[in-house]
């Protein structure tokens, strides 16, 4: 029996690779998924705000999320809510918003640029102070149950024969330009045909075992759950010019912000930073939506972005120095929504040696090695 494809990480990305690989025509090999924590207590997939959008600044991210939305819609059991993102802009940000809008429209996204008057008419609960306009997704955007997606992908992969093993990877036996086997913390080793690094926030540690430097770090993001007695009606996912975002979640709302760089260390513990809400989030909410002046904080949690420190885009594809190492890392907060498309593309690459339906070449690691970043400007 031939050596298996070993996927390091059984979160949404790793499970999506396993899901599609076990369904890929022409692939008859074995798939082994190594996941150190099957409860997913610290997994980004389980702790994500689980939203999906087409409003990106790079065409490849638009394409990934278009595929992802259609995949979610086809599943029918992941709590998909189709409601757009609303990016708000001040005078200083309007040129960038318009430039992103042009890219999105050119690549098939159904989005609309709204004037202040149009914003006021459509969302009368918005305070217009400092707003020069907004961009609203009209289709293929919204939010869903990320944990349900993860479990659907995992169950689908296991039903097709993928072997999930509870262990941590502690070594990669590199022999020349290949990885021969994967060492686990239970003392066993697994010979491998390919290795897929889908280790999320811990991807750099896995890459380092093969002598590879990967610019991916765990960056903590806090999500706060609030209750509002007079909630804004028909609320999309709103991104304020301050960077604060909010959206409905059942009868409550969730909200958060990416902290300033000097308050955003690598590998911070997954503890809620309550000062973020008090100092940054709540003041911005109250300024933008008068009804949010009187809210009650219900709960909160913290999760990790697998943050690409160079250009905030995914790093996907074979590593040029190791023929059988495939990377699927660094999605900087949009991994859960792009997991179906990344899983499909990586499965094709492993099975056929090339991309077939989804060409993810723009996300190759070579761009970083050559000092040619593909920067994603629309990071939330």
Protein backbone atom coordinates (compact mmCIF):
# COMPACT_ATOMS: atom_id res chain seq x y z
CA UNK A 1 0.00 0.00 0.00
CA UNK A 2 1.36 3.42 -0.95
CA UNK A 3 2.30 6.01 1.65
CA UNK A 4 -0.54 8.38 2.59
CA UNK A 5 -1.01 12.08 2.17
CA UNK A 6 -0.50 13.48 5.67
CA UNK A 7 -2.43 16.65 6.54
CA UNK A 8 -1.11 18.46 9.61
CA UNK A 9 -4.13 20.17 11.18
CA UNK A 10 -7.74 19.02 11.18
CA UNK A 11 -9.45 22.42 11.31
CA UNK A 12 -11.51 23.85 8.47
CA UNK A 13 -8.61 24.12 6.02
CA UNK A 14 -7.14 20.70 6.74
CA UNK A 15 -10.54 19.01 6.80
CA UNK A 16 -11.52 20.74 3.55
CA UNK A 17 -8.37 19.34 1.90
CA UNK A 18 -9.26 15.87 3.20
CA UNK A 19 -12.91 16.28 2.14
CA UNK A 20 -12.09 17.16 -1.44
CA UNK A 21 -9.09 14.86 -1.79
CA UNK A 22 -11.17 11.82 -0.85
CA UNK A 23 -13.62 12.86 -3.59
CA UNK A 24 -11.12 13.83 -6.27
CA UNK A 25 -11.42 11.71 -9.45
CA UNK A 26 -8.23 9.81 -10.10
CA UNK A 27 -7.01 9.90 -6.49
CA UNK A 28 -6.88 6.46 -4.93
CA UNK A 29 -4.45 7.07 -2.09
CA UNK A 30 -4.87 7.23 1.66
CA UNK A 31 -5.39 10.39 3.68
CA UNK A 32 -4.21 10.79 7.28
CA UNK A 33 -5.15 13.93 9.21
CA UNK A 34 -3.13 14.75 12.32
CA UNK A 35 -5.03 16.93 14.79
CA UNK A 36 -3.65 17.51 18.27
CA UNK A 37 -6.97 18.65 19.80
CA UNK A 38 -10.14 17.03 18.45
CA UNK A 39 -12.20 19.23 20.80
CA UNK A 40 -10.98 22.27 18.81
CA UNK A 41 -10.98 24.41 21.96
CA UNK A 42 -8.33 26.77 20.57
CA UNK A 43 -8.92 26.21 16.86
CA UNK A 44 -9.51 29.28 14.72
CA UNK A 45 -12.28 27.38 12.92
CA UNK A 46 -14.28 26.97 16.12
CA UNK A 47 -13.64 30.50 17.44
CA UNK A 48 -14.18 32.46 14.24
CA UNK A 49 -16.96 35.00 13.71
CA UNK A 50 -17.63 32.89 10.57
CA UNK A 51 -18.61 35.47 7.99
CA UNK A 52 -18.10 35.46 4.23
CA UNK A 53 -17.72 38.28 1.73
CA UNK A 54 -16.62 39.14 -1.78
CA UNK A 55 -15.46 42.63 -0.87
CA UNK A 56 -11.71 42.14 -1.12
CA UNK A 57 -9.04 44.14 -2.91
CA UNK A 58 -7.42 41.19 -4.72
CA UNK A 59 -9.12 39.12 -7.45
CA UNK A 60 -7.95 35.80 -6.05
CA UNK A 61 -9.72 36.41 -2.73
CA UNK A 62 -12.91 37.36 -4.53
CA UNK A 63 -12.79 34.11 -6.49
CA UNK A 64 -12.11 32.03 -3.38
CA UNK A 65 -15.08 33.45 -1.52
CA UNK A 66 -17.43 33.18 -4.50
CA UNK A 67 -16.68 29.46 -4.61
CA UNK A 68 -16.99 29.25 -0.83
CA UNK A 69 -20.41 30.90 -0.73
CA UNK A 70 -21.81 28.58 -3.39
CA UNK A 71 -20.42 25.59 -1.49
CA UNK A 72 -22.03 26.75 1.76
CA UNK A 73 -25.34 27.37 0.01
CA UNK A 74 -25.23 23.84 -1.38
CA UNK A 75 -24.68 22.28 2.05
CA UNK A 76 -27.89 23.70 3.46
CA UNK A 77 -27.13 22.80 7.09
CA UNK A 78 -24.58 25.35 8.28
CA UNK A 79 -26.90 28.20 9.26
CA UNK A 80 -26.05 30.38 6.27
CA UNK A 81 -27.51 33.89 6.47
CA UNK A 82 -27.24 35.82 3.20
CA UNK A 83 -26.81 39.45 4.14
CA UNK A 84 -24.14 41.80 2.89
CA UNK A 85 -21.13 43.49 4.35
CA UNK A 86 -21.31 47.27 4.59
CA UNK A 87 -17.90 48.94 4.46
CA UNK A 88 -18.18 52.56 5.58
CA UNK A 89 -15.61 55.17 4.57
CA UNK A 90 -14.57 58.65 5.62
CA UNK A 91 -13.22 61.18 3.13
CA UNK A 92 -9.74 59.74 3.71
CA UNK A 93 -10.87 56.20 2.93
CA UNK A 94 -13.25 56.79 0.05
CA UNK A 95 -10.65 56.56 -2.73
CA UNK A 96 -9.50 53.17 -1.48
CA UNK A 97 -13.09 51.95 -1.14
CA UNK A 98 -13.83 53.04 -4.72
CA UNK A 99 -10.69 51.32 -6.02
CA UNK A 100 -11.66 48.08 -4.27
CA UNK A 101 -15.19 48.42 -5.64
CA UNK A 102 -13.86 48.63 -9.19
CA UNK A 103 -11.85 45.43 -8.72
CA UNK A 104 -14.84 43.65 -7.20
CA UNK A 105 -17.20 44.66 -10.01
CA UNK A 106 -14.65 43.64 -12.64
CA UNK A 107 -14.56 40.15 -11.13
CA UNK A 108 -18.28 39.54 -10.86
CA UNK A 109 -19.08 40.71 -7.34
CA UNK A 110 -22.55 42.18 -6.87
CA UNK A 111 -21.70 45.27 -4.81
CA UNK A 112 -22.97 48.84 -4.73
CA UNK A 113 -21.28 52.11 -3.82
CA UNK A 114 -23.65 54.20 -1.72
CA UNK A 115 -23.61 57.95 -1.20
CA UNK A 116 -24.33 59.40 2.25
CA UNK A 117 -27.89 60.12 1.14
CA UNK A 118 -28.35 56.53 -0.03
CA UNK A 119 -26.88 55.22 3.23
CA UNK A 120 -29.25 57.39 5.25
CA UNK A 121 -32.26 56.21 3.24
CA UNK A 122 -31.34 52.52 3.45
CA UNK A 123 -30.07 52.44 7.04
CA UNK A 124 -31.83 55.23 8.96
CA UNK A 125 -30.33 54.00 12.24
CA UNK A 126 -26.81 54.97 11.11
CA UNK A 127 -25.24 58.19 12.38
CA UNK A 128 -23.69 59.83 9.35
CA UNK A 129 -21.01 61.87 11.10
CA UNK A 130 -17.75 61.67 9.18
CA UNK A 131 -19.05 59.36 6.45
CA UNK A 132 -18.33 59.98 2.78
CA UNK A 133 -19.97 56.79 1.51
CA UNK A 134 -20.12 53.03 1.78
CA UNK A 135 -19.89 49.79 -0.16
CA UNK A 136 -22.64 47.21 0.30
CA UNK A 137 -22.59 43.60 -0.83
CA UNK A 138 -25.87 42.73 -2.52
CA UNK A 139 -25.37 38.97 -2.93
CA UNK A 140 -23.10 36.09 -1.90
CA UNK A 141 -22.16 37.63 1.43
CA UNK A 142 -23.27 36.88 4.98
CA UNK A 143 -22.42 34.62 7.90
CA UNK A 144 -22.77 31.01 8.97
CA UNK A 145 -22.00 28.45 11.67
CA UNK A 146 -18.27 27.88 11.30
CA UNK A 147 -18.17 24.96 13.71
CA UNK A 148 -20.96 23.24 11.77
CA UNK A 149 -18.95 23.70 8.56
CA UNK A 150 -15.87 22.21 10.22
CA UNK A 151 -17.80 19.19 11.44
CA UNK A 152 -19.47 18.73 8.04
CA UNK A 153 -16.09 18.72 6.29
CA UNK A 154 -14.57 16.39 8.87
CA UNK A 155 -17.50 13.99 8.77
CA UNK A 156 -17.49 14.01 4.97
CA UNK A 157 -13.77 13.25 4.87
CA UNK A 158 -14.04 10.42 7.40
CA UNK A 159 -17.01 8.91 5.57
CA UNK A 160 -14.76 8.63 2.51
CA UNK A 161 -11.97 6.95 4.44
CA UNK A 162 -9.80 9.74 5.84
CA UNK A 163 -8.04 8.63 9.02
CA UNK A 164 -8.06 11.27 11.77
CA UNK A 165 -5.41 10.75 14.44
CA UNK A 166 -5.14 12.62 17.73
CA UNK A 167 -1.48 13.62 18.09
CA UNK A 168 0.91 16.53 17.74
CA UNK A 169 3.56 16.63 15.03
CA UNK A 170 7.02 16.90 16.62
CA UNK A 171 9.29 16.17 13.67
CA UNK A 172 9.51 16.08 9.89
CA UNK A 173 12.18 13.77 8.47
CA UNK A 174 13.53 15.78 5.56
CA UNK A 175 15.68 13.84 3.12
CA UNK A 176 16.97 16.11 0.41
CA UNK A 177 14.05 17.79 -1.30
CA UNK A 178 11.39 15.56 0.23
CA UNK A 179 9.83 14.80 3.57
CA UNK A 180 10.00 11.06 4.15
CA UNK A 181 7.99 10.78 7.33
CA UNK A 182 6.19 12.67 10.07
CA UNK A 183 7.02 12.06 13.74
CA UNK A 184 4.23 12.28 16.33
CA UNK A 185 4.34 12.97 20.04
CA UNK A 186 3.02 9.48 20.81
CA UNK A 187 6.30 8.03 19.57
CA UNK A 188 5.02 6.83 16.19
CA UNK A 189 6.03 7.94 12.73
CA UNK A 190 3.98 8.09 9.56
CA UNK A 191 5.65 7.68 6.18
CA UNK A 192 4.20 10.16 3.71
CA UNK A 193 3.65 10.70 0.03
CA UNK A 194 2.83 14.38 0.57
CA UNK A 195 2.60 16.60 3.63
CA UNK A 196 0.03 19.40 3.74
CA UNK A 197 0.73 22.08 6.34
CA UNK A 198 -2.72 23.19 7.49
CA UNK A 199 -1.71 23.95 11.06
CA UNK A 200 -3.40 27.36 11.24
CA UNK A 201 -1.88 29.72 13.82
CA UNK A 202 0.85 27.14 14.51
CA UNK A 203 1.86 26.72 10.85
CA UNK A 204 5.26 28.38 11.32
CA UNK A 205 6.21 25.85 14.00
CA UNK A 206 5.38 22.97 11.67
CA UNK A 207 7.28 24.56 8.78
CA UNK A 208 10.30 25.09 11.02
CA UNK A 209 10.50 21.32 11.57
CA UNK A 210 11.43 21.09 7.89
CA UNK A 211 13.82 24.04 8.05
CA UNK A 212 11.36 26.43 6.44
CA UNK A 213 10.69 29.97 7.71
CA UNK A 214 7.03 30.90 7.34
CA UNK A 215 5.77 34.44 8.17
CA UNK A 216 2.60 33.25 9.90
CA UNK A 217 1.88 34.17 13.50
CA UNK A 218 -0.98 33.64 15.94
CA UNK A 219 -2.70 36.99 16.52
CA UNK A 220 -5.46 37.19 19.12
CA UNK A 221 -8.83 38.67 18.17
CA UNK A 222 -11.63 39.24 20.68
CA UNK A 223 -15.33 38.98 19.86
CA UNK A 224 -17.89 40.60 22.13
CA UNK A 225 -21.57 39.67 22.35
CA UNK A 226 -23.96 42.52 23.12
CA UNK A 227 -27.68 42.96 23.65
CA UNK A 228 -29.56 46.03 22.40
CA UNK A 229 -33.12 46.84 23.45
CA UNK A 230 -33.88 48.68 20.20
CA UNK A 231 -31.73 46.83 17.63
CA UNK A 232 -31.16 48.32 14.16
CA UNK A 233 -33.39 46.63 11.58
CA UNK A 234 -32.05 44.70 8.58
CA UNK A 235 -28.50 45.18 9.78
CA UNK A 236 -25.69 43.87 7.58
CA UNK A 237 -22.17 43.21 8.81
CA UNK A 238 -20.91 46.77 9.25
CA UNK A 239 -17.26 47.85 9.22
CA UNK A 240 -16.85 51.36 10.59
CA UNK A 241 -13.99 53.62 9.40
CA UNK A 242 -12.50 53.13 12.87
CA UNK A 243 -12.06 49.43 12.10
CA UNK A 244 -14.75 48.36 14.56
CA UNK A 245 -17.20 45.85 13.10
CA UNK A 246 -20.57 44.51 14.21
CA UNK A 247 -23.32 42.22 12.95
CA UNK A 248 -26.45 40.44 14.19
CA UNK A 249 -26.07 37.03 15.80
CA UNK A 250 -29.47 35.57 16.64
CA UNK A 251 -31.21 38.00 19.01
CA UNK A 252 -27.89 39.60 19.94
CA UNK A 253 -25.04 41.30 18.09
CA UNK A 254 -21.36 40.44 17.94
CA UNK A 255 -18.62 42.99 17.47
CA UNK A 256 -14.87 43.49 17.64
CA UNK A 257 -11.81 45.23 16.24
CA UNK A 258 -8.25 44.41 15.22
CA UNK A 259 -6.15 46.05 17.93
CA UNK A 260 -3.42 48.61 17.21
CA UNK A 261 -0.05 47.15 16.26
CA UNK A 262 1.49 48.00 19.63
CA UNK A 263 -1.25 45.96 21.33
CA UNK A 264 -1.15 42.99 18.94
CA UNK A 265 1.68 40.64 19.98
CA UNK A 266 2.35 37.19 18.59
CA UNK A 267 1.02 34.18 20.50
CA UNK A 268 -0.88 36.16 23.12
CA UNK A 269 -2.95 33.92 25.43
CA UNK A 270 -6.54 33.31 24.39
CA UNK A 271 -7.93 35.58 27.07
CA UNK A 272 -10.51 38.28 26.38
CA UNK A 273 -9.05 41.79 26.53
CA UNK A 274 -11.96 43.65 28.10
CA UNK A 275 -10.22 47.01 27.68
CA UNK A 276 -10.63 46.65 23.92
CA UNK A 277 -14.37 46.83 24.34
CA UNK A 278 -14.33 49.66 26.83
CA UNK A 279 -11.69 51.80 25.10
CA UNK A 280 -12.24 51.11 21.39
CA UNK A 281 -15.31 49.08 20.47
CA UNK A 282 -18.14 50.51 22.55
CA UNK A 283 -17.28 54.20 21.91
CA UNK A 284 -17.22 53.54 18.14
CA UNK A 285 -20.51 51.62 18.27
CA UNK A 286 -22.23 54.40 20.20
CA UNK A 287 -20.99 57.05 17.75
CA UNK A 288 -22.14 55.11 14.70
CA UNK A 289 -25.48 53.70 15.93
CA UNK A 290 -27.30 55.82 18.54
CA UNK A 291 -29.26 52.75 19.68
CA UNK A 292 -25.94 51.23 20.77
CA UNK A 293 -25.48 53.91 23.41
CA UNK A 294 -27.56 51.66 25.67
CA UNK A 295 -26.29 48.11 25.32
CA UNK A 296 -25.50 45.24 27.63
CA UNK A 297 -22.40 43.12 27.13
CA UNK A 298 -23.52 39.49 27.36
CA UNK A 299 -20.34 37.49 26.81
CA UNK A 300 -17.08 37.40 24.88
CA UNK A 301 -14.46 35.05 23.53
CA UNK A 302 -11.01 35.18 21.95
CA UNK A 303 -9.60 33.31 18.96
CA UNK A 304 -6.55 33.44 16.74
CA UNK A 305 -6.02 34.84 13.27
CA UNK A 306 -3.32 32.85 11.46
CA UNK A 307 -1.80 36.15 10.44
CA UNK A 308 0.51 36.49 7.44
CA UNK A 309 2.77 39.31 8.60
CA UNK A 310 3.97 40.16 5.08
CA UNK A 311 0.85 40.81 3.00
CA UNK A 312 -2.15 39.37 4.91
CA UNK A 313 -2.94 36.91 2.12
CA UNK A 314 -2.98 33.13 2.13
CA UNK A 315 0.17 31.16 1.33
CA UNK A 316 -0.87 28.17 -0.77
CA UNK A 317 1.02 25.68 -2.91
CA UNK A 318 4.18 23.60 -3.03
CA UNK A 319 7.31 24.89 -1.38
CA UNK A 320 10.05 25.21 -4.03
CA UNK A 321 12.67 23.55 -1.81
CA UNK A 322 10.58 20.56 -0.74
CA UNK A 323 8.77 18.79 -3.56
CA UNK A 324 6.14 17.05 -1.44
CA UNK A 325 5.37 19.85 1.07
CA UNK A 326 2.19 21.77 0.31
CA UNK A 327 1.34 24.92 2.26
CA UNK A 328 -2.16 26.15 3.11
CA UNK A 329 -1.51 28.89 5.65
CA UNK A 330 -1.69 32.55 6.64
CA UNK A 331 -5.24 33.54 5.72
CA UNK A 332 -5.29 36.43 8.21
CA UNK A 333 -8.90 36.14 9.31
CA UNK A 334 -10.58 34.90 6.14
CA UNK A 335 -9.56 31.23 6.32
CA UNK A 336 -12.93 29.83 7.41
CA UNK A 337 -14.75 31.43 4.49
CA UNK A 338 -12.09 30.37 2.00
CA UNK A 339 -11.59 26.85 3.35
CA UNK A 340 -13.82 25.12 0.75
CA UNK A 341 -12.00 26.73 -2.18
CA UNK A 342 -8.54 26.21 -0.70
CA UNK A 343 -9.40 22.60 0.11
CA UNK A 344 -10.58 21.98 -3.43
CA UNK A 345 -7.50 23.57 -5.00
CA UNK A 346 -4.98 21.83 -2.75
CA UNK A 347 -6.71 18.50 -3.39
CA UNK A 348 -6.29 19.05 -7.12
CA UNK A 349 -2.64 20.00 -6.69
CA UNK A 350 -1.89 16.89 -4.64
CA UNK A 351 -3.87 14.51 -6.86
CA UNK A 352 -2.80 15.83 -10.26
CA UNK A 353 0.31 17.89 -9.66
CA UNK A 354 -1.45 21.03 -10.85
CA UNK A 355 -4.49 23.20 -10.24
CA UNK A 356 -7.47 22.19 -12.35
CA UNK A 357 -10.56 24.24 -11.52
CA UNK A 358 -9.14 26.85 -9.14
CA UNK A 359 -5.76 28.39 -9.93
CA UNK A 360 -4.21 29.58 -6.68
CA UNK A 361 -0.84 30.43 -8.21
CA UNK A 362 -1.12 34.10 -7.08
CA UNK A 363 -0.90 32.83 -3.48
CA UNK A 364 2.33 30.86 -4.01
CA UNK A 365 5.10 31.17 -1.44
CA UNK A 366 7.52 32.22 -4.20
CA UNK A 367 6.01 35.72 -4.16
CA UNK A 368 7.22 36.17 -0.60
CA UNK A 369 10.64 34.65 -1.27
CA UNK A 370 11.06 37.06 -4.19
CA UNK A 371 9.96 40.08 -2.17
CA UNK A 372 6.83 40.58 -4.27
CA UNK A 373 3.92 40.65 -1.80
CA UNK A 374 0.31 40.49 -2.92
CA UNK A 375 -1.19 42.79 -0.33
CA UNK A 376 -4.82 42.46 0.71
CA UNK A 377 -6.02 45.91 1.75
CA UNK A 378 -9.48 44.87 2.95
CA UNK A 379 -8.53 43.13 6.20
CA UNK A 380 -11.07 43.39 9.02
